[in-house]
PDB file of all heavy atoms in Angstrom:
ATOM      1  N   LEU A   1     188.804 211.473  74.405  1.00  0.00           N
ATOM      2  CA  LEU A   1     187.674 210.728  73.843  1.00  0.00           C
ATOM      3  C   LEU A   1     186.526 210.736  74.845  1.00  0.00           C
ATOM      4  O   LEU A   1     186.713 210.384  76.011  1.00  0.00           O
ATOM      5  CB  LEU A   1     188.066 209.284  73.518  1.00  0.00           C
ATOM      6  CG  LEU A   1     189.272 209.081  72.590  1.00  0.00           C
ATOM      7  CD1 LEU A   1     189.512 207.587  72.362  1.00  0.00           C
ATOM      8  CD2 LEU A   1     189.078 209.798  71.261  1.00  0.00           C
ATOM      9  N   ASP A   2     185.344 211.136  74.399  1.00  0.00           N
ATOM     10  CA  ASP A   2     184.173 211.192  75.271  1.00  0.00           C
ATOM     11  C   ASP A   2     183.774 209.772  75.681  1.00  0.00           C
ATOM     12  O   ASP A   2     183.386 208.966  74.832  1.00  0.00           O
ATOM     13  CB  ASP A   2     183.019 211.867  74.526  1.00  0.00           C
ATOM     14  CG  ASP A   2     181.828 212.162  75.426  1.00  0.00           C
ATOM     15  OD1 ASP A   2     181.715 211.521  76.496  1.00  0.00           O
ATOM     16  OD2 ASP A   2     181.007 213.020  75.068  1.00  0.00           O
ATOM     17  N   PRO A   3     183.856 209.430  76.979  1.00  0.00           N
ATOM     18  CA  PRO A   3     183.546 208.053  77.393  1.00  0.00           C
ATOM     19  C   PRO A   3     182.091 207.670  77.221  1.00  0.00           C
ATOM     20  O   PRO A   3     181.744 206.488  77.257  1.00  0.00           O
ATOM     21  CB  PRO A   3     183.948 208.054  78.881  1.00  0.00           C
ATOM     22  CG  PRO A   3     183.819 209.484  79.307  1.00  0.00           C
ATOM     23  CD  PRO A   3     184.225 210.299  78.103  1.00  0.00           C
ATOM     24  N   ARG A   4     181.206 208.666  77.027  1.00  0.00           N
ATOM     25  CA  ARG A   4     179.773 208.374  76.886  1.00  0.00           C
ATOM     26  C   ARG A   4     179.361 208.116  75.449  1.00  0.00           C
ATOM     27  O   ARG A   4     178.211 207.767  75.182  1.00  0.00           O
ATOM     28  CB  ARG A   4     178.964 209.546  77.443  1.00  0.00           C
ATOM     29  CG  ARG A   4     179.200 209.820  78.927  1.00  0.00           C
ATOM     30  CD  ARG A   4     178.633 211.146  79.348  1.00  0.00           C
ATOM     31  NE  ARG A   4     179.290 212.244  78.625  1.00  0.00           N
ATOM     32  CZ  ARG A   4     178.983 213.527  78.780  1.00  0.00           C
ATOM     33  NH1 ARG A   4     178.018 213.869  79.628  1.00  0.00           N
ATOM     34  NH2 ARG A   4     179.622 214.447  78.113  1.00  0.00           N
ATOM     35  N   GLN A   5     180.287 208.323  74.520  1.00  0.00           N
ATOM     36  CA  GLN A   5     179.967 208.169  73.100  1.00  0.00           C
ATOM     37  C   GLN A   5     180.628 206.920  72.532  1.00  0.00           C
ATOM     38  O   GLN A   5     181.723 206.545  72.941  1.00  0.00           O
ATOM     39  CB  GLN A   5     180.446 209.395  72.308  1.00  0.00           C
ATOM     40  CG  GLN A   5     179.872 210.716  72.765  1.00  0.00           C
ATOM     41  CD  GLN A   5     178.380 210.836  72.495  1.00  0.00           C
ATOM     42  OE1 GLN A   5     177.807 210.068  71.711  1.00  0.00           O
ATOM     43  NE2 GLN A   5     177.736 211.808  73.135  1.00  0.00           N
ATOM     44  N   LYS A   6     179.957 206.292  71.587  1.00  0.00           N
ATOM     45  CA  LYS A   6     180.561 205.167  70.883  1.00  0.00           C
ATOM     46  C   LYS A   6     181.614 205.673  69.897  1.00  0.00           C
ATOM     47  O   LYS A   6     181.626 206.847  69.519  1.00  0.00           O
ATOM     48  CB  LYS A   6     179.489 204.371  70.143  1.00  0.00           C
ATOM     49  CG  LYS A   6     178.539 203.610  71.061  1.00  0.00           C
ATOM     50  CD  LYS A   6     177.554 202.766  70.267  1.00  0.00           C
ATOM     51  CE  LYS A   6     176.644 201.973  71.197  1.00  0.00           C
ATOM     52  NZ  LYS A   6     175.683 201.121  70.438  1.00  0.00           N
ATOM     53  N   VAL A   7     182.482 204.771  69.494  1.00  0.00           N
ATOM     54  CA  VAL A   7     183.580 205.133  68.602  1.00  0.00           C
ATOM     55  C   VAL A   7     183.053 205.755  67.311  1.00  0.00           C
ATOM     56  O   VAL A   7     183.637 206.712  66.795  1.00  0.00           O
ATOM     57  CB  VAL A   7     184.457 203.900  68.310  1.00  0.00           C
ATOM     58  CG1 VAL A   7     185.456 204.200  67.189  1.00  0.00           C
ATOM     59  CG2 VAL A   7     185.200 203.477  69.573  1.00  0.00           C
ATOM     60  N   GLU A   8     181.951 205.243  66.795  1.00  0.00           N
ATOM     61  CA  GLU A   8     181.410 205.801  65.549  1.00  0.00           C
ATOM     62  C   GLU A   8     181.114 207.287  65.708  1.00  0.00           C
ATOM     63  O   GLU A   8     181.465 208.098  64.836  1.00  0.00           O
ATOM     64  CB  GLU A   8     180.138 205.065  65.142  1.00  0.00           C
ATOM     65  CG  GLU A   8     179.513 205.636  63.868  1.00  0.00           C
ATOM     66  CD  GLU A   8     178.220 204.942  63.472  1.00  0.00           C
ATOM     67  OE1 GLU A   8     177.838 203.954  64.142  1.00  0.00           O
ATOM     68  OE2 GLU A   8     177.590 205.382  62.490  1.00  0.00           O
ATOM     69  N   ARG A   9     180.471 207.663  66.798  1.00  0.00           N
ATOM     70  CA  ARG A   9     180.133 209.068  67.034  1.00  0.00           C
ATOM     71  C   ARG A   9     181.402 209.904  67.216  1.00  0.00           C
ATOM     72  O   ARG A   9     181.493 211.034  66.715  1.00  0.00           O
ATOM     73  CB  ARG A   9     179.238 209.177  68.270  1.00  0.00           C
ATOM     74  CG  ARG A   9     178.882 210.604  68.661  1.00  0.00           C
ATOM     75  CD  ARG A   9     177.933 211.243  67.660  1.00  0.00           C
ATOM     76  NE  ARG A   9     177.593 212.599  68.053  1.00  0.00           N
ATOM     77  CZ  ARG A   9     176.591 212.920  68.874  1.00  0.00           C
ATOM     78  NH1 ARG A   9     175.846 211.945  69.407  1.00  0.00           N
ATOM     79  NH2 ARG A   9     176.337 214.171  69.162  1.00  0.00           N
ATOM     80  N   ILE A  10     182.393 209.356  67.923  1.00  0.00           N
ATOM     81  CA  ILE A  10     183.637 210.080  68.172  1.00  0.00           C
ATOM     82  C   ILE A  10     184.382 210.350  66.865  1.00  0.00           C
ATOM     83  O   ILE A  10     184.819 211.471  66.595  1.00  0.00           O
ATOM     84  CB  ILE A  10     184.530 209.276  69.141  1.00  0.00           C
ATOM     85  CG1 ILE A  10     183.893 209.249  70.532  1.00  0.00           C
ATOM     86  CG2 ILE A  10     185.934 209.867  69.199  1.00  0.00           C
ATOM     87  CD1 ILE A  10     184.578 208.306  71.497  1.00  0.00           C
ATOM     88  N   VAL A  11     184.515 209.306  66.037  1.00  0.00           N
ATOM     89  CA  VAL A  11     185.315 209.418  64.816  1.00  0.00           C
ATOM     90  C   VAL A  11     184.617 210.288  63.772  1.00  0.00           C
ATOM     91  O   VAL A  11     185.271 211.025  63.028  1.00  0.00           O
ATOM     92  CB  VAL A  11     185.615 208.015  64.249  1.00  0.00           C
ATOM     93  CG1 VAL A  11     186.296 208.103  62.889  1.00  0.00           C
ATOM     94  CG2 VAL A  11     186.513 207.241  65.225  1.00  0.00           C
ATOM     95  N   THR A  12     183.295 210.228  63.722  1.00  0.00           N
ATOM     96  CA  THR A  12     182.567 210.982  62.690  1.00  0.00           C
ATOM     97  C   THR A  12     182.227 212.409  63.116  1.00  0.00           C
ATOM     98  O   THR A  12     181.638 213.156  62.340  1.00  0.00           O
ATOM     99  CB  THR A  12     181.259 210.260  62.299  1.00  0.00           C
ATOM    100  OG1 THR A  12     180.419 210.125  63.464  1.00  0.00           O
ATOM    101  CG2 THR A  12     181.556 208.887  61.722  1.00  0.00           C
ATOM    102  N   GLU A  13     182.612 212.789  64.328  1.00  0.00           N
ATOM    103  CA  GLU A  13     182.276 214.127  64.814  1.00  0.00           C
ATOM    104  C   GLU A  13     182.736 215.247  63.880  1.00  0.00           C
ATOM    105  O   GLU A  13     181.967 216.183  63.617  1.00  0.00           O
ATOM    106  CB  GLU A  13     182.865 214.326  66.208  1.00  0.00           C
ATOM    107  CG  GLU A  13     182.489 215.657  66.836  1.00  0.00           C
ATOM    108  CD  GLU A  13     183.052 215.800  68.238  1.00  0.00           C
ATOM    109  OE1 GLU A  13     183.839 214.934  68.649  1.00  0.00           O
ATOM    110  OE2 GLU A  13     182.709 216.775  68.914  1.00  0.00           O
ATOM    111  N   PRO A  14     183.969 215.194  63.315  1.00  0.00           N
ATOM    112  CA  PRO A  14     184.356 216.263  62.378  1.00  0.00           C
ATOM    113  C   PRO A  14     183.473 216.318  61.140  1.00  0.00           C
ATOM    114  O   PRO A  14     183.185 217.417  60.633  1.00  0.00           O
ATOM    115  CB  PRO A  14     185.801 215.889  62.006  1.00  0.00           C
ATOM    116  CG  PRO A  14     186.291 215.082  63.163  1.00  0.00           C
ATOM    117  CD  PRO A  14     185.106 214.294  63.611  1.00  0.00           C
ATOM    118  N   LEU A  15     183.023 215.161  60.643  1.00  0.00           N
ATOM    119  CA  LEU A  15     182.129 215.156  59.478  1.00  0.00           C
ATOM    120  C   LEU A  15     180.772 215.739  59.838  1.00  0.00           C
ATOM    121  O   LEU A  15     180.159 216.461  59.045  1.00  0.00           O
ATOM    122  CB  LEU A  15     181.957 213.726  58.953  1.00  0.00           C
ATOM    123  CG  LEU A  15     183.173 213.069  58.308  1.00  0.00           C
ATOM    124  CD1 LEU A  15     182.825 211.652  57.845  1.00  0.00           C
ATOM    125  CD2 LEU A  15     183.681 213.890  57.133  1.00  0.00           C
ATOM    126  N   SER A  16     180.295 215.429  61.043  1.00  0.00           N
ATOM    127  CA  SER A  16     179.013 215.982  61.482  1.00  0.00           C
ATOM    128  C   SER A  16     179.077 217.500  61.579  1.00  0.00           C
ATOM    129  O   SER A  16     178.121 218.202  61.227  1.00  0.00           O
ATOM    130  CB  SER A  16     178.625 215.381  62.838  1.00  0.00           C
ATOM    131  OG  SER A  16     178.491 213.977  62.756  1.00  0.00           O
ATOM    132  N   ALA A  17     180.225 218.009  62.037  1.00  0.00           N
ATOM    133  CA  ALA A  17     180.378 219.458  62.154  1.00  0.00           C
ATOM    134  C   ALA A  17     180.358 220.130  60.790  1.00  0.00           C
ATOM    135  O   ALA A  17     179.845 221.245  60.639  1.00  0.00           O
ATOM    136  CB  ALA A  17     181.681 219.780  62.881  1.00  0.00           C
ATOM    137  N   LEU A  18     180.910 219.442  59.794  1.00  0.00           N
ATOM    138  CA  LEU A  18     180.906 219.998  58.438  1.00  0.00           C
ATOM    139  C   LEU A  18     179.538 219.859  57.776  1.00  0.00           C
ATOM    140  O   LEU A  18     179.188 220.641  56.893  1.00  0.00           O
ATOM    141  CB  LEU A  18     181.968 219.302  57.581  1.00  0.00           C
ATOM    142  CG  LEU A  18     183.427 219.597  57.963  1.00  0.00           C
ATOM    143  CD1 LEU A  18     184.373 218.696  57.172  1.00  0.00           C
ATOM    144  CD2 LEU A  18     183.762 221.057  57.711  1.00  0.00           C
ATOM    145  N   GLY A  19     178.778 218.830  58.189  1.00  0.00           N
ATOM    146  CA  GLY A  19     177.416 218.650  57.702  1.00  0.00           C
ATOM    147  C   GLY A  19     177.305 218.341  56.225  1.00  0.00           C
ATOM    148  O   GLY A  19     176.352 218.770  55.571  1.00  0.00           O
ATOM    149  N   LYS A  20     178.260 217.576  55.677  1.00  0.00           N
ATOM    150  CA  LYS A  20     178.238 217.312  54.235  1.00  0.00           C
ATOM    151  C   LYS A  20     178.150 215.833  53.896  1.00  0.00           C
ATOM    152  O   LYS A  20     178.412 215.441  52.766  1.00  0.00           O
ATOM    153  CB  LYS A  20     179.489 217.898  53.585  1.00  0.00           C
ATOM    154  CG  LYS A  20     179.489 219.418  53.562  1.00  0.00           C
ATOM    155  CD  LYS A  20     180.596 219.965  52.690  1.00  0.00           C
ATOM    156  CE  LYS A  20     180.497 221.468  52.562  1.00  0.00           C
ATOM    157  NZ  LYS A  20     181.536 222.026  51.671  1.00  0.00           N
ATOM    158  N   ALA A  21     177.804 214.994  54.869  1.00  0.00           N
ATOM    159  CA  ALA A  21     177.705 213.558  54.608  1.00  0.00           C
ATOM    160  C   ALA A  21     176.526 212.990  55.377  1.00  0.00           C
ATOM    161  O   ALA A  21     176.237 213.414  56.502  1.00  0.00           O
ATOM    162  CB  ALA A  21     179.004 212.852  55.003  1.00  0.00           C
ATOM    163  N   SER A  22     175.846 212.019  54.766  1.00  0.00           N
ATOM    164  CA  SER A  22     174.731 211.369  55.436  1.00  0.00           C
ATOM    165  C   SER A  22     175.256 210.437  56.524  1.00  0.00           C
ATOM    166  O   SER A  22     176.452 210.139  56.592  1.00  0.00           O
ATOM    167  CB  SER A  22     173.911 210.565  54.425  1.00  0.00           C
ATOM    168  OG  SER A  22     174.680 209.464  53.927  1.00  0.00           O
ATOM    169  N   ARG A  23     174.375 209.927  57.364  1.00  0.00           N
ATOM    170  CA  ARG A  23     174.777 209.025  58.441  1.00  0.00           C
ATOM    171  C   ARG A  23     175.420 207.760  57.868  1.00  0.00           C
ATOM    172  O   ARG A  23     176.420 207.267  58.404  1.00  0.00           O
ATOM    173  CB  ARG A  23     173.548 208.671  59.278  1.00  0.00           C
ATOM    174  CG  ARG A  23     173.842 207.852  60.514  1.00  0.00           C
ATOM    175  CD  ARG A  23     174.522 208.692  61.572  1.00  0.00           C
ATOM    176  NE  ARG A  23     174.761 207.920  62.772  1.00  0.00           N
ATOM    177  CZ  ARG A  23     173.899 207.819  63.784  1.00  0.00           C
ATOM    178  NH1 ARG A  23     172.728 208.466  63.720  1.00  0.00           N
ATOM    179  NH2 ARG A  23     174.186 207.124  64.863  1.00  0.00           N
ATOM    180  N   THR A  24     174.857 207.254  56.789  1.00  0.00           N
ATOM    181  CA  THR A  24     175.420 206.052  56.161  1.00  0.00           C
ATOM    182  C   THR A  24     176.808 206.322  55.606  1.00  0.00           C
ATOM    183  O   THR A  24     177.729 205.518  55.772  1.00  0.00           O
ATOM    184  CB  THR A  24     174.495 205.559  55.028  1.00  0.00           C
ATOM    185  OG1 THR A  24     173.201 205.282  55.563  1.00  0.00           O
ATOM    186  CG2 THR A  24     175.062 204.301  54.378  1.00  0.00           C
ATOM    187  N   GLU A  25     176.969 207.470  54.946  1.00  0.00           N
ATOM    188  CA  GLU A  25     178.282 207.832  54.395  1.00  0.00           C
ATOM    189  C   GLU A  25     179.301 208.045  55.503  1.00  0.00           C
ATOM    190  O   GLU A  25     180.469 207.649  55.371  1.00  0.00           O
ATOM    191  CB  GLU A  25     178.145 209.100  53.543  1.00  0.00           C
ATOM    192  CG  GLU A  25     177.355 208.897  52.254  1.00  0.00           C
ATOM    193  CD  GLU A  25     177.050 210.209  51.550  1.00  0.00           C
ATOM    194  OE1 GLU A  25     177.008 211.265  52.245  1.00  0.00           O
ATOM    195  OE2 GLU A  25     176.861 210.195  50.320  1.00  0.00           O
ATOM    196  N   GLN A  26     178.867 208.644  56.598  1.00  0.00           N
ATOM    197  CA  GLN A  26     179.766 208.865  57.718  1.00  0.00           C
ATOM    198  C   GLN A  26     180.257 207.539  58.299  1.00  0.00           C
ATOM    199  O   GLN A  26     181.451 207.388  58.595  1.00  0.00           O
ATOM    200  CB  GLN A  26     179.071 209.684  58.807  1.00  0.00           C
ATOM    201  CG  GLN A  26     178.835 211.135  58.441  1.00  0.00           C
ATOM    202  CD  GLN A  26     178.186 211.922  59.574  1.00  0.00           C
ATOM    203  OE1 GLN A  26     178.258 211.525  60.737  1.00  0.00           O
ATOM    204  NE2 GLN A  26     177.556 213.041  59.227  1.00  0.00           N
TER     205      GLN A  26
END
């Protein structure tokens, strides 16, 4: 787990890579 990132960023990273959900949906 990246210590510089908040849990939200860590957990949603796979969704961000897929690029198919908005920030609110993530």
